[in-house]
Amino acid sequence: MSDDKSKSDYRDRSKVSASSDYEVQYLMHKYDLSKNRALELIAKHGGNRQKIESELDAVNI
């Protein structure tokens, strides 16, 4: 089931969904990750965008 992009609710922005290709692609492109690495991070942090990006920012300093 795809996301309804017409909804402008911000609840979904705090999570990265492994089942949404565009969200995984965005994470891959932003941090130059492989798909496997992106999916690992999503699983490790339960999709929590803040924790994922904090870990990646700490590594890329």
PDB file of N, CA and C in Angstrom:
ATOM      1  N   MET A   1       0.847  -1.166   0.000  1.00  0.00           N
ATOM      2  CA  MET A   1       0.000   0.000   0.000  1.00  0.00           C
ATOM      3  C   MET A   1       0.896   1.234   0.000  1.00  0.00           C
ATOM      4  N   SER A   2       0.642   2.144  -0.871  1.00  0.00           N
ATOM      5  CA  SER A   2       1.471   3.345  -0.957  1.00  0.00           C
ATOM      6  C   SER A   2       0.932   4.449  -0.051  1.00  0.00           C
ATOM      7  N   ASP A   3       1.819   5.368   0.264  1.00  0.00           N
ATOM      8  CA  ASP A   3       1.433   6.511   1.094  1.00  0.00           C
ATOM      9  C   ASP A   3       0.535   7.452   0.315  1.00  0.00           C
ATOM     10  N   ASP A   4      -0.385   8.089   1.025  1.00  0.00           N
ATOM     11  CA  ASP A   4      -1.242   9.097   0.419  1.00  0.00           C
ATOM     12  C   ASP A   4      -0.522  10.430   0.529  1.00  0.00           C
ATOM     13  N   LYS A   5       0.090  10.882  -0.553  1.00  0.00           N
ATOM     14  CA  LYS A   5       0.899  12.091  -0.539  1.00  0.00           C
ATOM     15  C   LYS A   5       0.058  13.369  -0.451  1.00  0.00           C
ATOM     16  N   SER A   6      -1.260  13.249  -0.560  1.00  0.00           N
ATOM     17  CA  SER A   6      -2.106  14.432  -0.454  1.00  0.00           C
ATOM     18  C   SER A   6      -2.311  14.842   1.005  1.00  0.00           C
ATOM     19  N   LYS A   7      -1.994  13.954   1.937  1.00  0.00           N
ATOM     20  CA  LYS A   7      -2.122  14.273   3.356  1.00  0.00           C
ATOM     21  C   LYS A   7      -0.871  15.024   3.798  1.00  0.00           C
ATOM     22  N   SER A   8      -1.055  16.106   4.515  1.00  0.00           N
ATOM     23  CA  SER A   8       0.078  16.917   4.933  1.00  0.00           C
ATOM     24  C   SER A   8       0.363  16.797   6.428  1.00  0.00           C
ATOM     25  N   ASP A   9       0.052  15.661   6.996  1.00  0.00           N
ATOM     26  CA  ASP A   9       0.283  15.401   8.405  1.00  0.00           C
ATOM     27  C   ASP A   9       1.767  15.120   8.640  1.00  0.00           C
ATOM     28  N   TYR A  10       2.345  15.610   9.728  1.00  0.00           N
ATOM     29  CA  TYR A  10       3.774  15.480   9.985  1.00  0.00           C
ATOM     30  C   TYR A  10       4.146  14.276  10.845  1.00  0.00           C
ATOM     31  N   ARG A  11       3.181  13.469  11.254  1.00  0.00           N
ATOM     32  CA  ARG A  11       3.483  12.316  12.105  1.00  0.00           C
ATOM     33  C   ARG A  11       4.440  11.344  11.444  1.00  0.00           C
ATOM     34  N   ASP A  12       4.343  11.174  10.150  1.00  0.00           N
ATOM     35  CA  ASP A  12       5.115  10.183   9.423  1.00  0.00           C
ATOM     36  C   ASP A  12       6.569  10.589   9.220  1.00  0.00           C
ATOM     37  N   ARG A  13       6.907  11.836   9.384  1.00  0.00           N
ATOM     38  CA  ARG A  13       8.268  12.318   9.111  1.00  0.00           C
ATOM     39  C   ARG A  13       9.293  11.842  10.123  1.00  0.00           C
ATOM     40  N   SER A  14       8.867  11.407  11.285  1.00  0.00           N
ATOM     41  CA  SER A  14       9.814  10.964  12.301  1.00  0.00           C
ATOM     42  C   SER A  14      10.278   9.534  12.077  1.00  0.00           C
ATOM     43  N   LYS A  15       9.661   8.833  11.158  1.00  0.00           N
ATOM     44  CA  LYS A  15       9.984   7.437  10.880  1.00  0.00           C
ATOM     45  C   LYS A  15      10.427   7.259   9.438  1.00  0.00           C
ATOM     46  N   VAL A  16      11.324   6.299   9.232  1.00  0.00           N
ATOM     47  CA  VAL A  16      11.730   5.888   7.889  1.00  0.00           C
ATOM     48  C   VAL A  16      11.151   4.490   7.687  1.00  0.00           C
ATOM     49  N   SER A  17      10.347   4.330   6.663  1.00  0.00           N
ATOM     50  CA  SER A  17       9.713   3.054   6.407  1.00  0.00           C
ATOM     51  C   SER A  17      10.537   2.238   5.421  1.00  0.00           C
ATOM     52  N   ALA A  18      10.894   1.029   5.818  1.00  0.00           N
ATOM     53  CA  ALA A  18      11.660   0.138   4.945  1.00  0.00           C
ATOM     54  C   ALA A  18      10.813  -0.342   3.775  1.00  0.00           C
ATOM     55  N   SER A  19       9.507  -0.262   3.905  1.00  0.00           N
ATOM     56  CA  SER A  19       8.635  -0.726   2.827  1.00  0.00           C
ATOM     57  C   SER A  19       8.340   0.361   1.795  1.00  0.00           C
ATOM     58  N   SER A  20       8.779   1.585   2.061  1.00  0.00           N
ATOM     59  CA  SER A  20       8.587   2.684   1.111  1.00  0.00           C
ATOM     60  C   SER A  20       9.896   2.925   0.367  1.00  0.00           C
ATOM     61  N   ASP A  21       9.922   2.520  -0.896  1.00  0.00           N
ATOM     62  CA  ASP A  21      11.147   2.621  -1.686  1.00  0.00           C
ATOM     63  C   ASP A  21      11.711   4.031  -1.730  1.00  0.00           C
ATOM     64  N   TYR A  22      10.835   5.039  -1.850  1.00  0.00           N
ATOM     65  CA  TYR A  22      11.343   6.403  -1.960  1.00  0.00           C
ATOM     66  C   TYR A  22      12.025   6.867  -0.678  1.00  0.00           C
ATOM     67  N   GLU A  23      11.591   6.388   0.473  1.00  0.00           N
ATOM     68  CA  GLU A  23      12.234   6.765   1.728  1.00  0.00           C
ATOM     69  C   GLU A  23      13.606   6.108   1.855  1.00  0.00           C
ATOM     70  N   VAL A  24      13.701   4.845   1.465  1.00  0.00           N
ATOM     71  CA  VAL A  24      14.984   4.139   1.485  1.00  0.00           C
ATOM     72  C   VAL A  24      15.937   4.780   0.479  1.00  0.00           C
ATOM     73  N   GLN A  25      15.434   5.105  -0.717  1.00  0.00           N
ATOM     74  CA  GLN A  25      16.256   5.753  -1.745  1.00  0.00           C
ATOM     75  C   GLN A  25      16.774   7.109  -1.265  1.00  0.00           C
ATOM     76  N   TYR A  26      15.938   7.872  -0.586  1.00  0.00           N
ATOM     77  CA  TYR A  26      16.342   9.177  -0.070  1.00  0.00           C
ATOM     78  C   TYR A  26      17.497   9.016   0.919  1.00  0.00           C
ATOM     79  N   LEU A  27      17.370   8.071   1.839  1.00  0.00           N
ATOM     80  CA  LEU A  27      18.406   7.820   2.828  1.00  0.00           C
ATOM     81  C   LEU A  27      19.695   7.368   2.144  1.00  0.00           C
ATOM     82  N   MET A  28      19.571   6.506   1.144  1.00  0.00           N
ATOM     83  CA  MET A  28      20.736   6.033   0.391  1.00  0.00           C
ATOM     84  C   MET A  28      21.439   7.190  -0.307  1.00  0.00           C
ATOM     85  N   HIS A  29      20.679   8.045  -0.934  1.00  0.00           N
ATOM     86  CA  HIS A  29      21.255   9.161  -1.684  1.00  0.00           C
ATOM     87  C   HIS A  29      21.871  10.206  -0.752  1.00  0.00           C
ATOM     88  N   LYS A  30      21.172  10.545   0.325  1.00  0.00           N
ATOM     89  CA  LYS A  30      21.645  11.592   1.237  1.00  0.00           C
ATOM     90  C   LYS A  30      22.961  11.215   1.903  1.00  0.00           C
ATOM     91  N   TYR A  31      23.120   9.946   2.274  1.00  0.00           N
ATOM     92  CA  TYR A  31      24.307   9.517   3.006  1.00  0.00           C
ATOM     93  C   TYR A  31      25.217   8.591   2.206  1.00  0.00           C
ATOM     94  N   ASP A  32      24.945   8.413   0.923  1.00  0.00           N
ATOM     95  CA  ASP A  32      25.748   7.560   0.049  1.00  0.00           C
ATOM     96  C   ASP A  32      25.889   6.154   0.641  1.00  0.00           C
ATOM     97  N   LEU A  33      24.745   5.519   0.886  1.00  0.00           N
ATOM     98  CA  LEU A  33      24.701   4.189   1.483  1.00  0.00           C
ATOM     99  C   LEU A  33      24.260   3.157   0.465  1.00  0.00           C
ATOM    100  N   SER A  34      24.610   1.906   0.726  1.00  0.00           N
ATOM    101  CA  SER A  34      24.046   0.815  -0.058  1.00  0.00           C
ATOM    102  C   SER A  34      22.638   0.542   0.464  1.00  0.00           C
ATOM    103  N   LYS A  35      21.855  -0.129  -0.326  1.00  0.00           N
ATOM    104  CA  LYS A  35      20.486  -0.441   0.100  1.00  0.00           C
ATOM    105  C   LYS A  35      20.503  -1.339   1.334  1.00  0.00           C
ATOM    106  N   ASN A  36      21.420  -2.310   1.364  1.00  0.00           N
ATOM    107  CA  ASN A  36      21.508  -3.206   2.518  1.00  0.00           C
ATOM    108  C   ASN A  36      21.842  -2.442   3.796  1.00  0.00           C
ATOM    109  N   ARG A  37      22.782  -1.502   3.709  1.00  0.00           N
ATOM    110  CA  ARG A  37      23.173  -0.709   4.875  1.00  0.00           C
ATOM    111  C   ARG A  37      22.013   0.166   5.357  1.00  0.00           C
ATOM    112  N   ALA A  38      21.294   0.768   4.416  1.00  0.00           N
ATOM    113  CA  ALA A  38      20.141   1.594   4.777  1.00  0.00           C
ATOM    114  C   ALA A  38      19.080   0.755   5.486  1.00  0.00           C
ATOM    115  N   LEU A  39      18.805  -0.428   4.963  1.00  0.00           N
ATOM    116  CA  LEU A  39      17.805  -1.302   5.582  1.00  0.00           C
ATOM    117  C   LEU A  39      18.271  -1.802   6.950  1.00  0.00           C
ATOM    118  N   GLU A  40      19.577  -2.051   7.106  1.00  0.00           N
ATOM    119  CA  GLU A  40      20.139  -2.441   8.406  1.00  0.00           C
ATOM    120  C   GLU A  40      19.883  -1.361   9.449  1.00  0.00           C
ATOM    121  N   LEU A  41      20.162  -0.114   9.071  1.00  0.00           N
ATOM    122  CA  LEU A  41      19.981   1.002  10.000  1.00  0.00           C
ATOM    123  C   LEU A  41      18.517   1.200  10.364  1.00  0.00           C
ATOM    124  N   ILE A  42      17.635   1.029   9.394  1.00  0.00           N
ATOM    125  CA  ILE A  42      16.196   1.165   9.661  1.00  0.00           C
ATOM    126  C   ILE A  42      15.761   0.102  10.660  1.00  0.00           C
ATOM    127  N   ALA A  43      16.227  -1.127  10.456  1.00  0.00           N
ATOM    128  CA  ALA A  43      15.872  -2.219  11.365  1.00  0.00           C
ATOM    129  C   ALA A  43      16.488  -1.998  12.756  1.00  0.00           C
ATOM    130  N   LYS A  44      17.745  -1.564  12.799  1.00  0.00           N
ATOM    131  CA  LYS A  44      18.459  -1.356  14.067  1.00  0.00           C
ATOM    132  C   LYS A  44      17.774  -0.309  14.935  1.00  0.00           C
ATOM    133  N   HIS A  45      17.304   0.765  14.321  1.00  0.00           N
ATOM    134  CA  HIS A  45      16.721   1.875  15.078  1.00  0.00           C
ATOM    135  C   HIS A  45      15.197   1.914  14.996  1.00  0.00           C
ATOM    136  N   GLY A  46      14.592   0.867  14.481  1.00  0.00           N
ATOM    137  CA  GLY A  46      13.136   0.803  14.424  1.00  0.00           C
ATOM    138  C   GLY A  46      12.523   1.876  13.543  1.00  0.00           C
ATOM    139  N   GLY A  47      13.303   2.363  12.584  1.00  0.00           N
ATOM    140  CA  GLY A  47      12.799   3.376  11.670  1.00  0.00           C
ATOM    141  C   GLY A  47      12.868   4.793  12.208  1.00  0.00           C
ATOM    142  N   ASN A  48      13.429   4.974  13.401  1.00  0.00           N
ATOM    143  CA  ASN A  48      13.513   6.308  14.003  1.00  0.00           C
ATOM    144  C   ASN A  48      14.497   7.166  13.208  1.00  0.00           C
ATOM    145  N   ARG A  49      13.983   8.130  12.459  1.00  0.00           N
ATOM    146  CA  ARG A  49      14.800   8.964  11.575  1.00  0.00           C
ATOM    147  C   ARG A  49      15.883   9.716  12.344  1.00  0.00           C
ATOM    148  N   GLN A  50      15.557  10.252  13.506  1.00  0.00           N
ATOM    149  CA  GLN A  50      16.516  11.040  14.281  1.00  0.00           C
ATOM    150  C   GLN A  50      17.709  10.175  14.701  1.00  0.00           C
ATOM    151  N   LYS A  51      17.463   8.964  15.175  1.00  0.00           N
ATOM    152  CA  LYS A  51      18.553   8.085  15.602  1.00  0.00           C
ATOM    153  C   LYS A  51      19.406   7.646  14.420  1.00  0.00           C
ATOM    154  N   ILE A  52      18.775   7.336  13.296  1.00  0.00           N
ATOM    155  CA  ILE A  52      19.501   6.919  12.098  1.00  0.00           C
ATOM    156  C   ILE A  52      20.415   8.041  11.631  1.00  0.00           C
ATOM    157  N   GLU A  53      19.864   9.242  11.502  1.00  0.00           N
ATOM    158  CA  GLU A  53      20.649  10.372  11.004  1.00  0.00           C
ATOM    159  C   GLU A  53      21.729  10.787  12.006  1.00  0.00           C
ATOM    160  N   SER A  54      21.472  10.662  13.305  1.00  0.00           N
ATOM    161  CA  SER A  54      22.484  10.969  14.308  1.00  0.00           C
ATOM    162  C   SER A  54      23.675  10.023  14.187  1.00  0.00           C
ATOM    163  N   GLU A  55      23.394   8.744  14.008  1.00  0.00           N
ATOM    164  CA  GLU A  55      24.473   7.763  13.846  1.00  0.00           C
ATOM    165  C   GLU A  55      25.285   8.050  12.579  1.00  0.00           C
ATOM    166  N   LEU A  56      24.613   8.344  11.499  1.00  0.00           N
ATOM    167  CA  LEU A  56      25.303   8.607  10.242  1.00  0.00           C
ATOM    168  C   LEU A  56      26.080   9.918  10.291  1.00  0.00           C
ATOM    169  N   ASP A  57      25.539  10.941  10.941  1.00  0.00           N
ATOM    170  CA  ASP A  57      26.241  12.216  11.072  1.00  0.00           C
ATOM    171  C   ASP A  57      27.503  12.046  11.929  1.00  0.00           C
ATOM    172  N   ALA A  58      27.428  11.219  12.969  1.00  0.00           N
ATOM    173  CA  ALA A  58      28.586  10.990  13.840  1.00  0.00           C
ATOM    174  C   ALA A  58      29.706  10.294  13.071  1.00  0.00           C
ATOM    175  N   VAL A  59      29.370   9.413  12.175  1.00  0.00           N
ATOM    176  CA  VAL A  59      30.361   8.680  11.375  1.00  0.00           C
ATOM    177  C   VAL A  59      30.953   9.573  10.297  1.00  0.00           C
ATOM    178  N   ASN A  60      30.170  10.489   9.759  1.00  0.00           N
ATOM    179  CA  ASN A  60      30.597  11.323   8.629  1.00  0.00           C
ATOM    180  C   ASN A  60      31.220  12.663   9.034  1.00  0.00           C
ATOM    181  N   ILE A  61      31.608  12.801  10.291  1.00  0.00           N
ATOM    182  CA  ILE A  61      32.169  14.090  10.744  1.00  0.00           C
ATOM    183  C   ILE A  61      33.483  14.370  10.071  1.00  0.00           C
TER     184      ILE A  61
END
